[in-house]
C-alpha atoms as a PDB file:
ATOM      1  CA  MET A   1     -12.192   4.268  -3.566  1.00  0.00           C
ATOM      2  CA  LYS A   2     -11.272   4.193   0.056  1.00  0.00           C
ATOM      3  CA  GLN A   3     -12.021   0.538   0.622  1.00  0.00           C
ATOM      4  CA  TYR A   4      -9.373  -0.641  -1.875  1.00  0.00           C
ATOM      5  CA  ALA A   5      -6.650   1.436  -0.239  1.00  0.00           C
ATOM      6  CA  LEU A   6      -7.717   0.235   3.192  1.00  0.00           C
ATOM      7  CA  LEU A   7      -7.724  -3.395   2.036  1.00  0.00           C
ATOM      8  CA  ARG A   8      -4.200  -3.018   0.632  1.00  0.00           C
ATOM      9  CA  ILE A   9      -2.999  -1.564   3.947  1.00  0.00           C
ATOM     10  CA  LEU A  10      -4.607  -4.432   5.866  1.00  0.00           C
ATOM     11  CA  LEU A  11      -3.031  -6.999   3.525  1.00  0.00           C
ATOM     12  CA  ALA A  12       0.399  -5.405   3.949  1.00  0.00           C
ATOM     13  CA  CYS A  13      -0.019  -5.420   7.741  1.00  0.00           C
ATOM     14  CA  PHE A  14      -1.055  -9.075   7.657  1.00  0.00           C
ATOM     15  CA  LEU A  15       2.038  -9.978   5.630  1.00  0.00           C
ATOM     16  CA  LEU A  16       4.195  -8.062   8.110  1.00  0.00           C
ATOM     17  CA  TYR A  17       2.550  -9.996  10.950  1.00  0.00           C
ATOM     18  CA  ILE A  18       3.429 -13.277   9.226  1.00  0.00           C
ATOM     19  CA  ALA A  19       7.012 -12.223   8.452  1.00  0.00           C
ATOM     20  CA  TRP A  20       7.865 -10.575  11.783  1.00  0.00           C
ATOM     21  CA  PRO A  21       9.173 -13.726  13.571  1.00  0.00           C
ATOM     22  CA  SER A  22      11.548 -14.420  10.682  1.00  0.00           C
ATOM     23  CA  ILE A  23      12.963 -10.899  10.707  1.00  0.00           C
ATOM     24  CA  HIS A  24      14.374 -11.196  14.228  1.00  0.00           C
ATOM     25  CA  GLY A  25      15.938 -14.619  13.689  1.00  0.00           C
ATOM     26  CA  GLU A  26      18.265 -13.690  10.830  1.00  0.00           C
ATOM     27  CA  VAL A  27      21.937 -12.977  11.491  1.00  0.00           C
ATOM     28  CA  VAL A  28      23.473 -13.291   8.004  1.00  0.00           C
ATOM     29  CA  GLN A  29      24.140  -9.966   6.298  1.00  0.00           C
ATOM     30  CA  LEU A  30      22.454 -10.971   3.029  1.00  0.00           C
ATOM     31  CA  SER A  31      19.248 -11.976   4.795  1.00  0.00           C
ATOM     32  CA  SER A  32      19.330  -8.757   6.825  1.00  0.00           C
ATOM     33  CA  LEU A  33      19.620  -6.820   3.573  1.00  0.00           C
ATOM     34  CA  PHE A  34      16.649  -8.724   2.155  1.00  0.00           C
ATOM     35  CA  TRP A  35      14.490  -7.936   5.202  1.00  0.00           C
ATOM     36  CA  ALA A  36      15.546  -4.286   5.119  1.00  0.00           C
ATOM     37  CA  GLY A  37      14.405  -4.125   1.490  1.00  0.00           C
ATOM     38  CA  TRP A  38      11.189  -5.895   2.382  1.00  0.00           C
ATOM     39  CA  LEU A  39      10.466  -3.452   5.206  1.00  0.00           C
ATOM     40  CA  PHE A  40      11.224  -0.510   2.900  1.00  0.00           C
ATOM     41  CA  PHE A  41       8.747  -1.883   0.357  1.00  0.00           C
ATOM     42  CA  PHE A  42       6.177  -2.351   3.151  1.00  0.00           C
ATOM     43  CA  LEU A  43       6.560   1.291   4.215  1.00  0.00           C
ATOM     44  CA  LEU A  44       6.273   2.390   0.590  1.00  0.00           C
ATOM     45  CA  VAL A  45       3.019   0.460   0.113  1.00  0.00           C
ATOM     46  CA  VAL A  46       1.487   1.677   3.374  1.00  0.00           C
ATOM     47  CA  GLY A  47       2.580   5.263   2.761  1.00  0.00           C
ATOM     48  CA  SER A  48       1.174   5.429  -0.748  1.00  0.00           C
ATOM     49  CA  ASN A  49      -2.135   3.952   0.328  1.00  0.00           C
ATOM     50  CA  LEU A  50      -2.346   6.326   3.290  1.00  0.00           C
ATOM     51  CA  ALA A  51      -1.772   9.200   0.866  1.00  0.00           C
ATOM     52  CA  THR A  52      -4.683   7.904  -1.203  1.00  0.00           C
ATOM     53  CA  LEU A  53      -6.882   7.575   1.895  1.00  0.00           C
ATOM     54  CA  LEU A  54      -6.056  11.111   3.008  1.00  0.00           C
ATOM     55  CA  ARG A  55      -6.644  12.367  -0.559  1.00  0.00           C
ATOM     56  CA  MET A  56      -3.130  13.752  -0.879  1.00  0.00           C
ATOM     57  CA  THR A  57      -2.813  12.085  -4.298  1.00  0.00           C
ATOM     58  CA  LYS A  58      -5.258  11.012  -6.959  1.00  0.00           C
ATOM     59  CA  PRO A  59      -6.395   7.400  -6.796  1.00  0.00           C
ATOM     60  CA  PRO A  60      -5.225   5.054  -9.563  1.00  0.00           C
ATOM     61  CA  VAL A  61      -6.987   5.438 -12.907  1.00  0.00           C
ATOM     62  CA  MET A  62      -8.918   2.197 -12.459  1.00  0.00           C
ATOM     63  CA  GLU A  63     -10.383   3.452  -9.172  1.00  0.00           C
ATOM     64  CA  GLN A  64     -11.360   6.943 -10.291  1.00  0.00           C
ATOM     65  CA  ASP A  65     -15.069   7.656 -10.484  1.00  0.00           C
ATOM     66  CA  THR A  66     -16.051   8.211 -14.134  1.00  0.00           C
ATOM     67  CA  SER A  67     -19.781   8.790 -13.606  1.00  0.00           C
ATOM     68  CA  ARG A  68     -19.153  12.347 -12.442  1.00  0.00           C
ATOM     69  CA  GLN A  69     -17.013  13.096 -15.501  1.00  0.00           C
ATOM     70  CA  TYR A  70     -19.718  11.669 -17.744  1.00  0.00           C
ATOM     71  CA  GLN A  71     -22.334  13.980 -16.242  1.00  0.00           C
ATOM     72  CA  LEU A  72     -20.106  17.014 -16.719  1.00  0.00           C
ATOM     73  CA  GLU A  73     -19.505  16.147 -20.370  1.00  0.00           C
ATOM     74  CA  LYS A  74     -23.213  15.564 -20.931  1.00  0.00           C
ATOM     75  CA  ASN A  75     -24.149  19.109 -19.813  1.00  0.00           C
END
């Protein structure tokens, strides 16, 4: 389902928008490491959802359409 992947991308972008001012203000190495990890996780989330939107991967099992499989098994 495209709308779930799109909603997850929008939520991730919103969280980045909220966190962006804090990212530039940090000078301690530990906090910089935390924000680098956070940005890596953000890119991972956006990339995986873009792959789902572009149909490069299968959607998660909960989002797969089962009605089509049911019709194939019925025939």
